Amino acid sequence: MNKQAWMDAAHVFDTWRVVPRAVLVVYFSWVVHVADTLLNWYMTLPREARTLEATGLGISIIGSITGLFPWILKIYMDNGNDWSGTTSSSSATVTTNTVSK
């Protein structure tokens, strides 16, 4: 393969955002696995063992792993392509109208 073909393949790979999407898929799969495991653990506890401490442990684990979501989503959202076609970060146009008497 020549260099241009590699560059085109890299551009397609970057445009499709394969790595950030893979990170999101792995994260959501992990959250589902942990939540399922935790729910199965909690439901197999005897009724008298389902105390405030056990419930608090489950809630804190779920809260901790779902608390990572804003960081992971920020990584995904910040690495996107700029499709506006401009190279500057702001593309504001100012129009001034003057009226003379």
N, C-alpha and C. Protein backbone atom coordinates (compact mmCIF):
# COMPACT_ATOMS: atom_id res chain seq x y z
N MET A 1 0.84 -1.19 0.00
CA MET A 1 0.00 0.00 0.00
C MET A 1 0.88 1.24 0.00
N ASN A 2 0.42 2.25 -0.71
CA ASN A 2 1.17 3.49 -0.71
C ASN A 2 0.74 4.37 0.46
N LYS A 3 1.45 5.46 0.63
CA LYS A 3 1.21 6.34 1.76
C LYS A 3 -0.19 6.95 1.72
N GLN A 4 -0.68 7.32 0.54
CA GLN A 4 -2.00 7.94 0.44
C GLN A 4 -3.11 6.96 0.84
N ALA A 5 -2.94 5.71 0.49
CA ALA A 5 -3.94 4.70 0.89
C ALA A 5 -3.97 4.55 2.40
N TRP A 6 -2.79 4.56 3.03
CA TRP A 6 -2.74 4.50 4.50
C TRP A 6 -3.38 5.73 5.12
N MET A 7 -3.14 6.89 4.54
CA MET A 7 -3.73 8.13 5.06
C MET A 7 -5.25 8.12 4.90
N ASP A 8 -5.73 7.60 3.77
CA ASP A 8 -7.18 7.49 3.58
C ASP A 8 -7.80 6.52 4.58
N ALA A 9 -7.13 5.41 4.82
CA ALA A 9 -7.62 4.44 5.80
C ALA A 9 -7.62 5.04 7.21
N ALA A 10 -6.58 5.79 7.52
CA ALA A 10 -6.52 6.43 8.84
C ALA A 10 -7.62 7.48 8.98
N HIS A 11 -7.90 8.20 7.91
CA HIS A 11 -8.96 9.21 7.96
C HIS A 11 -10.33 8.56 8.18
N VAL A 12 -10.57 7.44 7.49
CA VAL A 12 -11.84 6.72 7.68
C VAL A 12 -11.93 6.19 9.11
N PHE A 13 -10.84 5.62 9.61
CA PHE A 13 -10.80 5.10 10.98
C PHE A 13 -11.08 6.22 11.98
N ASP A 14 -10.50 7.40 11.74
CA ASP A 14 -10.70 8.54 12.63
C ASP A 14 -12.10 9.12 12.49
N THR A 15 -12.61 9.15 11.28
CA THR A 15 -13.95 9.70 11.06
C THR A 15 -15.01 8.82 11.70
N TRP A 16 -14.84 7.53 11.62
CA TRP A 16 -15.80 6.62 12.24
C TRP A 16 -15.65 6.56 13.75
N ARG A 17 -14.58 7.13 14.28
CA ARG A 17 -14.33 7.21 15.72
C ARG A 17 -14.41 5.83 16.37
N VAL A 18 -13.62 4.92 15.83
CA VAL A 18 -13.67 3.53 16.24
C VAL A 18 -13.24 3.36 17.70
N VAL A 19 -12.16 3.98 18.09
CA VAL A 19 -11.64 3.78 19.45
C VAL A 19 -12.57 4.36 20.51
N PRO A 20 -13.06 5.61 20.37
CA PRO A 20 -13.99 6.10 21.40
C PRO A 20 -15.28 5.28 21.47
N ARG A 21 -15.77 4.82 20.34
CA ARG A 21 -16.98 4.00 20.38
C ARG A 21 -16.71 2.65 21.01
N ALA A 22 -15.54 2.09 20.78
CA ALA A 22 -15.18 0.83 21.43
C ALA A 22 -15.08 1.02 22.94
N VAL A 23 -14.53 2.16 23.37
CA VAL A 23 -14.45 2.44 24.81
C VAL A 23 -15.85 2.52 25.41
N LEU A 24 -16.78 3.18 24.73
CA LEU A 24 -18.16 3.26 25.22
C LEU A 24 -18.81 1.89 25.29
N VAL A 25 -18.61 1.06 24.29
CA VAL A 25 -19.20 -0.29 24.29
C VAL A 25 -18.64 -1.12 25.44
N VAL A 26 -17.33 -1.06 25.63
CA VAL A 26 -16.71 -1.81 26.73
C VAL A 26 -17.20 -1.29 28.07
N TYR A 27 -17.31 0.03 28.24
CA TYR A 27 -17.78 0.61 29.49
C TYR A 27 -19.22 0.17 29.79
N PHE A 28 -20.11 0.29 28.81
CA PHE A 28 -21.49 -0.09 29.05
C PHE A 28 -21.62 -1.59 29.31
N SER A 29 -20.84 -2.40 28.63
CA SER A 29 -20.85 -3.85 28.89
C SER A 29 -20.39 -4.14 30.31
N TRP A 30 -19.37 -3.44 30.74
CA TRP A 30 -18.85 -3.62 32.10
C TRP A 30 -19.88 -3.20 33.14
N VAL A 31 -20.56 -2.07 32.91
CA VAL A 31 -21.59 -1.60 33.84
C VAL A 31 -22.73 -2.62 33.93
N VAL A 32 -23.17 -3.14 32.80
CA VAL A 32 -24.24 -4.14 32.80
C VAL A 32 -23.79 -5.40 33.54
N HIS A 33 -22.56 -5.83 33.32
CA HIS A 33 -22.05 -7.02 34.00
C HIS A 33 -21.99 -6.81 35.51
N VAL A 34 -21.45 -5.68 35.94
CA VAL A 34 -21.33 -5.41 37.38
C VAL A 34 -22.71 -5.28 38.01
N ALA A 35 -23.62 -4.58 37.34
CA ALA A 35 -24.97 -4.41 37.90
C ALA A 35 -25.69 -5.76 37.99
N ASP A 36 -25.54 -6.61 36.98
CA ASP A 36 -26.17 -7.92 37.02
C ASP A 36 -25.58 -8.79 38.13
N THR A 37 -24.26 -8.78 38.25
CA THR A 37 -23.61 -9.55 39.31
C THR A 37 -24.03 -9.05 40.69
N LEU A 38 -24.08 -7.74 40.85
CA LEU A 38 -24.48 -7.17 42.14
C LEU A 38 -25.93 -7.49 42.47
N LEU A 39 -26.80 -7.41 41.47
CA LEU A 39 -28.21 -7.73 41.71
C LEU A 39 -28.38 -9.19 42.06
N ASN A 40 -27.67 -10.09 41.37
CA ASN A 40 -27.74 -11.51 41.70
C ASN A 40 -27.21 -11.77 43.11
N TRP A 41 -26.13 -11.10 43.48
CA TRP A 41 -25.58 -11.26 44.83
C TRP A 41 -26.60 -10.81 45.87
N TYR A 42 -27.20 -9.65 45.64
CA TYR A 42 -28.14 -9.10 46.61
C TYR A 42 -29.40 -9.96 46.73
N MET A 43 -29.87 -10.50 45.60
CA MET A 43 -31.09 -11.30 45.65
C MET A 43 -30.85 -12.67 46.28
N THR A 44 -29.62 -13.15 46.28
CA THR A 44 -29.35 -14.45 46.91
C THR A 44 -29.10 -14.32 48.41
N LEU A 45 -28.99 -13.10 48.92
CA LEU A 45 -28.84 -12.92 50.35
C LEU A 45 -30.13 -13.33 51.05
N PRO A 46 -30.00 -13.94 52.22
CA PRO A 46 -31.22 -14.20 52.99
C PRO A 46 -31.90 -12.88 53.38
N ARG A 47 -33.19 -12.94 53.59
CA ARG A 47 -33.95 -11.72 53.87
C ARG A 47 -33.39 -10.95 55.08
N GLU A 48 -32.97 -11.67 56.09
CA GLU A 48 -32.45 -10.97 57.28
C GLU A 48 -31.06 -10.39 57.05
N ALA A 49 -30.36 -10.82 55.99
CA ALA A 49 -29.03 -10.27 55.69
C ALA A 49 -29.11 -9.04 54.79
N ARG A 50 -30.28 -8.73 54.27
CA ARG A 50 -30.45 -7.53 53.42
C ARG A 50 -30.65 -6.31 54.31
N THR A 51 -29.57 -5.93 54.94
CA THR A 51 -29.60 -4.83 55.88
C THR A 51 -29.28 -3.52 55.17
N LEU A 52 -29.29 -2.46 55.93
CA LEU A 52 -28.95 -1.14 55.41
C LEU A 52 -27.51 -1.12 54.89
N GLU A 53 -26.63 -1.85 55.54
CA GLU A 53 -25.24 -1.89 55.12
C GLU A 53 -25.09 -2.57 53.76
N ALA A 54 -25.79 -3.69 53.56
CA ALA A 54 -25.71 -4.39 52.28
C ALA A 54 -26.31 -3.55 51.17
N THR A 55 -27.41 -2.89 51.45
CA THR A 55 -28.03 -2.02 50.46
C THR A 55 -27.12 -0.83 50.14
N GLY A 56 -26.51 -0.27 51.17
CA GLY A 56 -25.59 0.85 50.97
C GLY A 56 -24.37 0.46 50.15
N LEU A 57 -23.87 -0.77 50.37
CA LEU A 57 -22.75 -1.25 49.57
C LEU A 57 -23.13 -1.35 48.11
N GLY A 58 -24.29 -1.92 47.83
CA GLY A 58 -24.75 -2.04 46.45
C GLY A 58 -24.95 -0.68 45.79
N ILE A 59 -25.55 0.24 46.50
CA ILE A 59 -25.79 1.58 45.95
C ILE A 59 -24.47 2.30 45.71
N SER A 60 -23.51 2.16 46.62
CA SER A 60 -22.23 2.85 46.44
C SER A 60 -21.44 2.27 45.26
N ILE A 61 -21.52 0.97 45.06
CA ILE A 61 -20.82 0.37 43.91
C ILE A 61 -21.44 0.86 42.62
N ILE A 62 -22.77 0.81 42.51
CA ILE A 62 -23.44 1.26 41.29
C ILE A 62 -23.19 2.75 41.08
N GLY A 63 -23.24 3.53 42.14
CA GLY A 63 -22.96 4.96 42.03
C GLY A 63 -21.55 5.26 41.57
N SER A 64 -20.60 4.46 42.03
CA SER A 64 -19.21 4.67 41.63
C SER A 64 -18.98 4.35 40.16
N ILE A 65 -19.52 3.24 39.69
CA ILE A 65 -19.25 2.88 38.30
C ILE A 65 -20.05 3.73 37.33
N THR A 66 -21.24 4.15 37.72
CA THR A 66 -22.00 5.04 36.82
C THR A 66 -21.51 6.47 36.92
N GLY A 67 -20.80 6.80 37.97
CA GLY A 67 -20.22 8.13 38.10
C GLY A 67 -19.08 8.38 37.12
N LEU A 68 -18.55 7.33 36.54
CA LEU A 68 -17.50 7.47 35.52
C LEU A 68 -18.06 7.92 34.18
N PHE A 69 -19.39 7.79 34.00
CA PHE A 69 -19.98 8.07 32.69
C PHE A 69 -19.71 9.48 32.18
N PRO A 70 -19.83 10.55 32.99
CA PRO A 70 -19.53 11.89 32.44
C PRO A 70 -18.11 12.03 31.91
N TRP A 71 -17.14 11.42 32.57
CA TRP A 71 -15.75 11.50 32.09
C TRP A 71 -15.60 10.76 30.77
N ILE A 72 -16.17 9.57 30.69
CA ILE A 72 -16.04 8.77 29.47
C ILE A 72 -16.78 9.44 28.32
N LEU A 73 -17.95 10.01 28.60
CA LEU A 73 -18.69 10.71 27.56
C LEU A 73 -17.95 11.96 27.11
N LYS A 74 -17.28 12.65 28.03
CA LYS A 74 -16.50 13.83 27.66
C LYS A 74 -15.35 13.45 26.73
N ILE A 75 -14.70 12.33 26.99
CA ILE A 75 -13.64 11.86 26.10
C ILE A 75 -14.20 11.62 24.71
N TYR A 76 -15.38 11.01 24.64
CA TYR A 76 -16.00 10.71 23.35
C TYR A 76 -16.40 11.99 22.63
N MET A 77 -16.99 12.93 23.35
CA MET A 77 -17.52 14.15 22.71
C MET A 77 -16.41 15.12 22.31
N ASP A 78 -15.33 15.18 23.06
CA ASP A 78 -14.27 16.15 22.78
C ASP A 78 -13.38 15.74 21.61
N ASN A 79 -13.41 14.51 21.20
CA ASN A 79 -12.52 14.03 20.15
C ASN A 79 -13.18 13.95 18.79
N GLY A 80 -14.22 14.69 18.57
CA GLY A 80 -14.92 14.64 17.29
C GLY A 80 -14.26 15.51 16.24
N ASN A 81 -14.68 15.30 14.99
CA ASN A 81 -14.19 16.11 13.87
C ASN A 81 -14.96 17.41 13.78
N ASP A 82 -14.29 18.45 13.26
CA ASP A 82 -14.95 19.72 13.01
C ASP A 82 -15.46 19.69 11.57
N TRP A 83 -16.76 19.57 11.39
CA TRP A 83 -17.34 19.43 10.06
C TRP A 83 -17.74 20.78 9.47
N SER A 84 -17.44 21.88 10.14
CA SER A 84 -17.83 23.20 9.62
C SER A 84 -16.94 23.65 8.48
N GLY A 85 -15.78 23.07 8.32
CA GLY A 85 -14.88 23.42 7.22
C GLY A 85 -13.98 24.60 7.53
N THR A 86 -14.10 25.20 8.68
CA THR A 86 -13.23 26.31 9.06
C THR A 86 -12.11 25.79 9.93
N THR A 87 -11.01 26.50 9.89
CA THR A 87 -9.88 26.09 10.71
C THR A 87 -9.82 26.84 12.02
N SER A 88 -10.53 27.96 12.12
CA SER A 88 -10.51 28.72 13.37
C SER A 88 -11.53 28.13 14.32
N SER A 89 -11.34 28.43 15.61
CA SER A 89 -12.23 27.87 16.61
C SER A 89 -13.57 28.60 16.67
N SER A 90 -13.61 29.85 16.26
CA SER A 90 -14.87 30.57 16.26
C SER A 90 -15.12 31.13 14.87
N SER A 91 -16.33 31.01 14.42
CA SER A 91 -16.66 31.48 13.08
C SER A 91 -17.85 32.43 13.14
N ALA A 92 -17.73 33.45 13.96
CA ALA A 92 -18.81 34.41 14.10
C ALA A 92 -18.66 35.52 13.06
N THR A 93 -19.78 35.93 12.50
CA THR A 93 -19.79 37.01 11.53
C THR A 93 -20.52 38.19 12.15
N VAL A 94 -19.90 39.35 12.08
CA VAL A 94 -20.50 40.56 12.63
C VAL A 94 -20.96 41.44 11.49
N THR A 95 -22.22 41.83 11.52
CA THR A 95 -22.78 42.72 10.50
C THR A 95 -23.18 44.02 11.19
N THR A 96 -22.73 45.13 10.59
CA THR A 96 -23.05 46.44 11.17
C THR A 96 -23.88 47.22 10.16
N ASN A 97 -25.00 47.74 10.62
CA ASN A 97 -25.85 48.57 9.77
C ASN A 97 -25.79 50.00 10.26
N THR A 98 -25.62 50.92 9.37
CA THR A 98 -25.61 52.34 9.73
C THR A 98 -26.77 53.04 9.04
N VAL A 99 -27.36 53.96 9.74
CA VAL A 99 -28.48 54.74 9.20
C VAL A 99 -28.07 56.20 9.22
N SER A 100 -28.19 56.88 8.07
CA SER A 100 -27.86 58.30 8.03
C SER A 100 -29.12 59.09 7.74
N LYS A 101 -29.21 60.29 8.33
CA LYS A 101 -30.38 61.15 8.15
C LYS A 101 -30.09 62.30 7.25
